[in-house]
Amino acid sequence: STVTEYSYFARFAVGLCEGEITRVGRIWADGKLLDLSAVNFRVYRGTETQQPDPLIEAIEGTGNAPGFRGLAYVVFEDLPLADFGNRVPQLSFEVFRGLSDVEGLIRGIDLIPGSTEFGYDPQVQIKDLGSGRTGPENQNNNSGYSDWDLALDQLADSCPDCGSVALVVSWFGSDLRAAHCLIRPGVETYDKITAPDAWSVSGVVRGTAYLVSQSGGAPAFGGTPSDGSVIRAIQDLKARGYRVLFYPFVMMDIAAGNSLPDPYSGAAGQPLYPWRGRITCEPAPGEAGSPDNSAAVTAQVNAFFGGAAVSDFTASAMSVGYSGAPEWSLRRMILHYAHLCALAGGVDGFLIGSELRGLTQLRAGGGSYPAVAQLKTLAADVRAVLASAKISYAADWSEYFGHHPNDGSGDVYFHL
């Protein structure tokens, strides 16, 4: 006997609204979210210059199809109907439209969270869920694209005149005492297996990386973006026409229950997840026995910056290795990313640090500021790697107008 099966598909257009929209987000069919990666559709945003849809024009004839200018609509081409009882389903759309002129005024954005192991990766990474199951690590949407690609597409739609992106990438600080503070890349868990890429930063793999603290039974932070994902992110931003500012960021991972001495009080236990601007000498300025305004403070500042040199780093295909002294310092972090940015093809701007006011205002006597001297040296070293990039330090607002020592002198030093 012969069995004949029929499959039904529909080609149709759905009007959304009058006037120009920004974009269409999710689409529901009969109340269920559509997997847009399996749907062939086109969105017309209702501009006054939009052209006729090629499918409609092919059916109606060249010159006989309108562009429906001023009308936002969606064209579906060969939508499979089997899941909907072989009929066109009831459709609902998530529609975005700017509410003011603000979007058109935006020229640059910070791209965060900064702590996301593969969230910046344009390439979809797959994680092992156990028992032979897998799932996407960085595709938490139904578009068929990575979260990065979807977010950048949405940025282009929502802020069409945005031309600059500051890419924030984080390592984790361990202590408010400068001489004891380690700055390391971290991971959320040791047990995650991903493909095609395994997590790796500065030559460190997942199993030997720093594990971020827990809060409420879950990681307090996402992990540091994997080096390969950062390279691809920079390259994709440039391919999309954005100017790229690379923004290394120090997050302080000091969790509940710590017994670290507080440099501001001497008590056991530092504040939870503090601001990096609180990193300072031990004891802090104004506390009894503080080395501030003496030569002794220089050693503590130098320990924080470390001794990593430009020559300690070697670039390979999609990573940068480190062969210097075994240290986790600010210089290792910054110089690692200078080399990584160069490997990605360069960036337009690069920050050597931000908001380190508790360090930049430390004095070594005679009006000298050792952290500022270290930053100047670091800037010169980054210049040797990124010859054409603009290099800067992102000061906190309280640093802008100089250092006003709280010593009754009334002095003002424009230390930066």
Protein backbone atom coordinates (compact mmCIF):
# COMPACT_ATOMS: atom_id res chain seq x y z
CA SER A 1 0.00 0.00 0.00
CA THR A 2 1.02 3.59 -0.49
CA VAL A 3 0.94 6.17 2.29
CA THR A 4 0.86 9.80 1.28
CA GLU A 5 1.71 12.45 3.83
CA TYR A 6 1.06 16.15 3.45
CA SER A 7 2.90 18.99 5.13
CA TYR A 8 1.39 22.44 5.22
CA PHE A 9 3.21 25.76 5.24
CA ALA A 10 1.98 29.33 5.14
CA ARG A 11 3.31 32.54 3.64
CA PHE A 12 1.70 35.63 5.08
CA ALA A 13 2.25 39.11 6.51
CA VAL A 14 1.06 40.48 9.85
CA GLY A 15 0.65 44.19 10.47
CA LEU A 16 1.87 45.31 13.89
CA CYS A 17 1.23 49.02 14.28
CA GLU A 18 1.36 52.40 12.64
CA GLY A 19 4.63 54.28 12.88
CA GLU A 20 8.26 53.27 13.19
CA ILE A 21 9.32 50.71 15.80
CA THR A 22 12.77 49.84 17.11
CA ARG A 23 12.58 46.07 16.84
CA VAL A 24 10.54 42.93 17.42
CA GLY A 25 11.58 40.75 20.34
CA ARG A 26 9.82 37.51 21.18
CA ILE A 27 6.94 36.02 19.21
CA TRP A 28 4.29 33.66 20.59
CA ALA A 29 2.17 31.28 18.51
CA ASP A 30 -1.02 30.04 20.19
CA GLY A 31 0.45 31.27 23.46
CA LYS A 32 3.71 29.33 23.13
CA LEU A 33 7.08 30.96 22.52
CA LEU A 34 8.29 30.44 18.96
CA ASP A 35 11.79 29.14 18.32
CA LEU A 36 12.80 31.95 16.00
CA SER A 37 15.92 30.10 14.88
CA ALA A 38 13.63 27.72 12.98
CA VAL A 39 11.41 30.42 11.44
CA ASN A 40 12.07 32.34 8.23
CA PHE A 41 10.69 35.81 8.84
CA ARG A 42 11.47 39.44 8.10
CA VAL A 43 10.64 42.53 10.14
CA TYR A 44 9.78 45.87 8.56
CA ARG A 45 10.06 48.64 11.13
CA GLY A 46 7.60 51.04 9.53
CA THR A 47 10.08 53.55 8.17
CA GLU A 48 9.13 56.03 5.47
CA THR A 49 11.76 54.57 3.14
CA GLN A 50 11.15 50.81 3.46
CA GLN A 51 10.91 48.91 0.19
CA PRO A 52 8.42 46.20 -0.82
CA ASP A 53 9.03 42.74 0.59
CA PRO A 54 10.53 40.47 -2.11
CA LEU A 55 8.05 37.65 -1.44
CA ILE A 56 5.03 39.93 -1.73
CA GLU A 57 6.49 41.52 -4.84
CA ALA A 58 7.17 38.12 -6.39
CA ILE A 59 3.51 37.20 -5.93
CA GLU A 60 1.97 40.54 -6.89
CA GLY A 61 4.43 41.37 -9.64
CA THR A 62 7.26 43.86 -9.92
CA GLY A 63 6.00 47.36 -9.27
CA ASN A 64 2.65 46.15 -7.96
CA ALA A 65 3.54 45.65 -4.28
CA PRO A 66 3.57 48.59 -1.85
CA GLY A 67 6.28 49.11 0.74
CA PHE A 68 3.63 49.78 3.40
CA ARG A 69 5.66 52.77 4.50
CA GLY A 70 4.78 54.00 7.95
CA LEU A 71 3.43 50.55 8.89
CA ALA A 72 5.46 48.09 10.97
CA TYR A 73 4.82 44.53 9.84
CA VAL A 74 6.30 41.03 9.75
CA VAL A 75 6.46 38.65 6.79
CA PHE A 76 6.57 34.91 7.44
CA GLU A 77 7.86 32.71 4.66
CA ASP A 78 6.95 29.00 4.66
CA LEU A 79 5.97 28.78 8.33
CA PRO A 80 5.41 25.06 9.16
CA LEU A 81 1.83 24.57 10.40
CA ALA A 82 1.98 21.01 11.77
CA ASP A 83 2.40 22.19 15.37
CA PHE A 84 -0.70 24.39 15.06
CA GLY A 85 -3.24 21.92 13.72
CA ASN A 86 -2.34 22.79 10.12
CA ARG A 87 -3.69 26.31 10.44
CA VAL A 88 -2.18 29.75 10.87
CA PRO A 89 -1.73 30.21 14.64
CA GLN A 90 -2.76 33.16 16.75
CA LEU A 91 0.35 35.32 16.95
CA SER A 92 1.50 37.75 19.64
CA PHE A 93 4.53 40.01 19.29
CA GLU A 94 6.88 41.76 21.68
CA VAL A 95 7.34 45.17 20.03
CA PHE A 96 9.86 47.82 21.07
CA ARG A 97 9.64 51.51 20.30
CA GLY A 98 11.65 54.39 21.76
CA LEU A 99 9.65 56.59 24.11
CA SER A 100 11.81 59.68 23.71
CA ASP A 101 14.77 61.11 21.81
CA VAL A 102 17.23 59.77 24.39
CA GLU A 103 18.20 56.70 22.38
CA GLY A 104 19.24 58.88 19.46
CA LEU A 105 21.51 60.95 21.70
CA ILE A 106 23.56 58.01 23.01
CA ARG A 107 27.06 57.93 21.54
CA GLY A 108 28.76 55.36 23.77
CA ILE A 109 27.95 52.63 26.28
CA ASP A 110 29.62 50.46 28.92
CA LEU A 111 29.21 46.78 28.11
CA ILE A 112 28.78 44.82 31.33
CA PRO A 113 28.57 42.67 33.51
CA GLY A 114 32.32 42.19 33.16
CA SER A 115 32.08 38.90 35.04
CA THR A 116 30.67 36.34 32.61
CA GLU A 117 32.71 33.35 31.50
CA PHE A 118 31.30 33.20 27.96
CA GLY A 119 28.67 35.95 27.92
CA TYR A 120 30.84 38.07 25.62
CA ASP A 121 31.40 35.28 23.11
CA PRO A 122 29.78 35.68 19.67
CA GLN A 123 30.36 31.95 19.26
CA VAL A 124 27.79 29.69 20.95
CA GLN A 125 29.39 27.50 23.62
CA ILE A 126 27.79 24.23 24.68
CA LYS A 127 28.01 22.95 28.26
CA ASP A 128 27.81 19.38 29.51
CA LEU A 129 24.68 18.93 31.66
CA GLY A 130 25.52 15.34 32.62
CA SER A 131 23.86 12.02 31.73
CA GLY A 132 24.63 12.60 28.06
CA ARG A 133 22.76 15.90 27.94
CA THR A 134 24.08 19.23 26.70
CA GLY A 135 22.76 22.77 26.57
CA PRO A 136 23.85 26.22 25.46
CA GLU A 137 26.07 28.16 27.86
CA ASN A 138 25.63 31.56 26.23
CA GLN A 139 22.40 31.32 24.26
CA ASN A 140 19.70 32.24 26.75
CA ASN A 141 17.23 33.34 24.10
CA ASN A 142 15.13 31.87 21.31
CA SER A 143 16.72 33.75 18.41
CA GLY A 144 19.20 31.06 17.44
CA TYR A 145 22.09 33.44 18.09
CA SER A 146 24.47 33.84 21.01
CA ASP A 147 23.44 36.26 23.76
CA TRP A 148 26.24 38.55 22.57
CA ASP A 149 25.00 38.68 18.98
CA LEU A 150 21.42 39.31 20.04
CA ALA A 151 22.46 42.05 22.48
CA LEU A 152 24.62 43.83 19.89
CA ASP A 153 21.84 43.61 17.30
CA GLN A 154 19.46 45.14 19.85
CA LEU A 155 21.99 47.88 20.63
CA ALA A 156 22.22 48.78 16.94
CA ASP A 157 18.42 48.91 16.66
CA SER A 158 17.84 50.84 19.89
CA CYS A 159 20.78 53.28 19.74
CA PRO A 160 21.62 53.69 16.05
CA ASP A 161 24.05 56.58 16.66
CA CYS A 162 26.08 54.79 19.34
CA GLY A 163 29.64 54.60 18.05
CA SER A 164 31.75 53.54 21.04
CA VAL A 165 31.67 50.55 23.38
CA ALA A 166 33.65 50.19 26.61
CA LEU A 167 34.22 46.46 27.09
CA VAL A 168 34.44 45.76 30.84
CA VAL A 169 36.43 42.66 31.87
CA SER A 170 36.95 41.74 35.52
CA TRP A 171 39.48 40.03 37.73
CA PHE A 172 38.96 39.65 41.48
CA GLY A 173 40.74 41.38 44.34
CA SER A 174 41.18 39.52 47.62
CA ASP A 175 42.07 42.10 50.31
CA LEU A 176 41.74 45.82 51.09
CA ARG A 177 45.35 45.83 52.29
CA ALA A 178 47.41 46.72 49.23
CA ALA A 179 50.40 44.55 50.12
CA HIS A 180 48.18 41.48 50.57
CA CYS A 181 45.74 41.98 47.70
CA LEU A 182 45.84 39.33 44.99
CA ILE A 183 44.17 40.19 41.67
CA ARG A 184 43.18 37.01 39.85
CA PRO A 185 40.86 35.73 37.14
CA GLY A 186 38.12 33.55 38.59
CA VAL A 187 35.55 30.92 37.66
CA GLU A 188 32.06 30.18 38.97
CA THR A 189 32.63 26.43 39.38
CA TYR A 190 35.28 23.82 38.75
CA ASP A 191 32.78 21.31 37.36
CA LYS A 192 31.68 23.02 34.14
CA ILE A 193 32.70 21.42 30.82
CA THR A 194 32.24 23.54 27.70
CA ALA A 195 32.83 23.08 23.98
CA PRO A 196 34.17 24.01 21.52
CA ASP A 197 36.19 26.14 23.96
CA ALA A 198 37.32 25.37 27.49
CA TRP A 199 37.68 28.35 29.83
CA SER A 200 41.19 29.79 30.00
CA VAL A 201 42.61 33.17 31.08
CA SER A 202 46.28 34.18 31.16
CA GLY A 203 47.36 30.55 30.80
CA VAL A 204 45.18 29.43 33.72
CA VAL A 205 42.60 26.69 33.09
CA ARG A 206 39.37 26.11 34.99
CA GLY A 207 40.64 23.42 37.34
CA THR A 208 43.45 25.60 38.70
CA ALA A 209 41.71 28.99 38.62
CA TYR A 210 40.50 31.03 41.57
CA LEU A 211 36.96 30.02 42.58
CA VAL A 212 34.74 33.03 43.31
CA SER A 213 32.94 33.12 46.64
CA GLN A 214 29.39 31.94 47.26
CA SER A 215 26.48 34.10 48.36
CA GLY A 216 23.04 32.66 49.03
CA GLY A 217 24.11 29.24 47.77
CA ALA A 218 25.25 30.52 44.37
CA PRO A 219 28.39 32.17 42.97
CA ALA A 220 28.59 35.79 44.10
CA PHE A 221 29.94 36.75 40.67
CA GLY A 222 30.10 35.37 37.19
CA GLY A 223 33.55 34.22 36.18
CA THR A 224 36.16 36.20 34.30
CA PRO A 225 35.48 36.21 30.53
CA SER A 226 37.54 33.54 28.81
CA ASP A 227 40.40 34.95 26.73
CA GLY A 228 39.07 33.52 23.48
CA SER A 229 35.68 35.12 24.04
CA VAL A 230 37.30 38.52 24.70
CA ILE A 231 39.28 38.32 21.46
CA ARG A 232 36.17 37.43 19.46
CA ALA A 233 34.17 40.17 21.20
CA ILE A 234 36.71 42.86 20.29
CA GLN A 235 36.90 41.64 16.71
CA ASP A 236 33.10 41.55 16.40
CA LEU A 237 32.69 45.05 17.84
CA LYS A 238 35.18 46.40 15.32
CA ALA A 239 33.52 44.49 12.47
CA ARG A 240 30.23 46.15 13.44
CA GLY A 241 31.87 49.56 13.19
CA TYR A 242 32.23 50.41 16.89
CA ARG A 243 35.20 52.11 18.50
CA VAL A 244 36.41 49.88 21.34
CA LEU A 245 37.62 51.04 24.75
CA PHE A 246 39.01 48.16 26.80
CA TYR A 247 38.15 48.53 30.49
CA PRO A 248 39.92 46.13 32.92
CA PHE A 249 37.91 46.12 36.15
CA VAL A 250 38.80 44.93 39.67
CA MET A 251 35.92 43.42 41.65
CA MET A 252 36.59 42.84 45.34
CA ASP A 253 35.60 39.31 46.30
CA ILE A 254 35.61 39.55 50.09
CA ALA A 255 32.80 37.40 51.40
CA ALA A 256 30.91 37.04 54.66
CA GLY A 257 32.76 35.38 57.51
CA ASN A 258 36.20 36.63 56.50
CA SER A 259 38.72 37.40 59.25
CA LEU A 260 40.94 39.73 57.24
CA PRO A 261 42.24 42.69 59.29
CA ASP A 262 40.43 45.89 58.33
CA PRO A 263 43.06 48.54 57.51
CA TYR A 264 40.60 51.28 58.45
CA SER A 265 39.88 50.02 61.96
CA GLY A 266 42.26 47.18 62.79
CA ALA A 267 39.28 44.96 63.59
CA ALA A 268 39.01 41.40 62.29
CA GLY A 269 36.77 41.12 59.26
CA GLN A 270 36.74 43.41 56.23
CA PRO A 271 33.49 44.80 54.77
CA LEU A 272 31.66 42.49 52.38
CA TYR A 273 32.29 42.97 48.66
CA PRO A 274 33.74 46.47 49.07
CA TRP A 275 34.62 49.07 46.44
CA ARG A 276 38.12 48.80 44.96
CA GLY A 277 38.62 52.45 45.87
CA ARG A 278 38.98 51.27 49.48
CA ILE A 279 42.24 49.39 48.81
CA THR A 280 44.91 51.23 50.81
CA CYS A 281 47.96 50.83 53.01
CA GLU A 282 47.97 49.08 56.39
CA PRO A 283 47.07 50.83 58.66
CA ALA A 284 45.08 53.26 56.53
CA PRO A 285 45.85 56.99 56.47
CA GLY A 286 44.72 58.63 59.70
CA GLU A 287 45.05 55.41 61.71
CA ALA A 288 47.73 55.00 64.37
CA GLY A 289 50.96 53.68 62.88
CA SER A 290 49.96 54.36 59.28
CA PRO A 291 52.93 54.46 56.87
CA ASP A 292 51.20 57.15 54.81
CA ASN A 293 53.39 60.18 54.11
CA SER A 294 56.55 58.17 54.70
CA ALA A 295 58.90 56.11 52.57
CA ALA A 296 57.53 52.93 54.16
CA VAL A 297 54.29 53.16 52.16
CA THR A 298 56.14 52.60 48.87
CA ALA A 299 56.77 48.90 49.55
CA GLN A 300 53.06 48.25 50.12
CA VAL A 301 52.09 50.08 46.93
CA ASN A 302 54.76 48.28 44.91
CA ALA A 303 53.53 44.90 46.18
CA PHE A 304 50.05 45.70 44.86
CA PHE A 305 51.31 46.67 41.41
CA GLY A 306 53.82 43.81 41.20
CA GLY A 307 56.76 43.39 38.87
CA ALA A 308 55.32 41.77 35.73
CA ALA A 309 57.15 43.02 32.64
CA VAL A 310 56.07 43.47 29.03
CA SER A 311 58.47 40.69 28.01
CA ASP A 312 56.81 38.18 30.37
CA PHE A 313 53.86 37.73 27.99
CA THR A 314 53.69 35.69 24.79
CA ALA A 315 50.77 35.69 22.36
CA SER A 316 49.60 32.55 20.58
CA ALA A 317 46.59 31.85 18.35
CA MET A 318 43.79 32.81 20.76
CA SER A 319 45.51 33.34 24.11
CA VAL A 320 48.35 35.10 25.89
CA GLY A 321 50.74 33.13 28.08
CA TYR A 322 52.72 34.40 31.07
CA SER A 323 56.26 33.35 32.02
CA GLY A 324 57.16 35.89 34.69
CA ALA A 325 57.38 35.62 38.46
CA PRO A 326 54.43 33.82 40.11
CA GLU A 327 52.41 36.86 41.12
CA TRP A 328 48.79 38.00 40.87
CA SER A 329 49.13 41.74 40.62
CA LEU A 330 47.63 44.73 38.86
CA ARG A 331 50.51 44.84 36.39
CA ARG A 332 49.98 41.21 35.43
CA MET A 333 46.29 41.88 34.79
CA ILE A 334 46.78 45.07 32.79
CA LEU A 335 49.70 43.86 30.69
CA HIS A 336 47.92 40.58 29.98
CA TYR A 337 45.01 42.48 28.50
CA ALA A 338 47.23 44.88 26.59
CA HIS A 339 48.73 41.87 24.81
CA LEU A 340 45.30 40.26 24.37
CA CYS A 341 43.94 43.45 22.77
CA ALA A 342 46.92 43.53 20.43
CA LEU A 343 46.26 39.89 19.52
CA ALA A 344 42.65 40.82 18.71
CA GLY A 345 43.85 43.43 16.24
CA GLY A 346 44.06 46.41 18.58
CA VAL A 347 41.59 48.70 20.33
CA ASP A 348 40.90 52.42 20.15
CA GLY A 349 41.34 53.05 23.86
CA PHE A 350 42.69 51.22 26.90
CA LEU A 351 42.32 51.93 30.62
CA ILE A 352 45.16 50.99 32.97
CA GLY A 353 42.92 51.15 36.05
CA SER A 354 39.97 52.92 37.59
CA GLU A 355 38.87 54.50 40.87
CA LEU A 356 41.89 53.43 42.92
CA ARG A 357 41.62 56.53 45.10
CA GLY A 358 42.73 54.72 48.26
CA LEU A 359 46.05 54.03 46.53
CA THR A 360 46.62 57.10 44.38
CA GLN A 361 46.31 59.38 47.43
CA LEU A 362 48.98 57.56 49.44
CA ARG A 363 52.12 59.69 49.92
CA ALA A 364 55.71 58.58 50.34
CA GLY A 365 56.88 61.91 51.75
CA GLY A 366 58.27 64.91 49.97
CA GLY A 367 55.08 65.31 47.95
CA SER A 368 55.58 62.04 46.05
CA TYR A 369 52.75 59.63 45.26
CA PRO A 370 54.10 56.11 44.58
CA ALA A 371 50.87 54.70 43.10
CA VAL A 372 50.71 57.57 40.60
CA ALA A 373 54.33 56.89 39.64
CA GLN A 374 53.45 53.22 39.15
CA LEU A 375 50.48 54.13 36.94
CA LYS A 376 52.68 56.34 34.78
CA THR A 377 55.17 53.50 34.33
CA LEU A 378 52.33 51.09 33.56
CA ALA A 379 50.90 53.47 30.96
CA ALA A 380 54.28 53.62 29.22
CA ASP A 381 54.51 49.82 29.21
CA VAL A 382 51.02 49.50 27.72
CA ARG A 383 52.03 52.04 25.08
CA ALA A 384 54.85 49.70 24.06
CA VAL A 385 52.22 47.04 23.29
CA LEU A 386 49.37 49.19 21.94
CA ALA A 387 51.16 51.87 19.97
CA SER A 388 48.10 53.61 18.51
CA ALA A 389 45.52 53.28 21.31
CA LYS A 390 44.52 56.14 23.59
CA ILE A 391 45.67 55.16 27.08
CA SER A 392 44.17 56.57 30.27
CA TYR A 393 43.32 56.03 33.91
CA ALA A 394 39.63 56.37 34.90
CA ALA A 395 39.73 58.44 38.07
CA ASP A 396 36.97 58.48 40.65
CA TRP A 397 35.15 61.81 40.96
CA SER A 398 36.84 62.36 44.33
CA GLU A 399 40.25 62.27 42.60
CA TYR A 400 39.39 64.88 39.96
CA PHE A 401 40.01 67.93 42.10
CA GLY A 402 43.24 66.77 43.72
CA HIS A 403 44.26 65.31 47.06
CA HIS A 404 43.21 67.18 50.19
CA PRO A 405 45.07 65.43 53.05
CA ASN A 406 43.00 65.13 56.20
CA ASP A 407 45.88 66.31 58.37
CA GLY A 408 44.86 69.86 59.16
CA SER A 409 47.46 71.32 56.80
CA GLY A 410 44.97 72.71 54.30
CA ASP A 411 47.26 71.51 51.52
CA VAL A 412 45.97 70.58 48.08
CA TYR A 413 48.00 68.34 45.75
CA PHE A 414 47.04 67.80 42.13
CA HIS A 415 48.60 64.38 42.23
CA LEU A 416 47.17 62.94 39.03
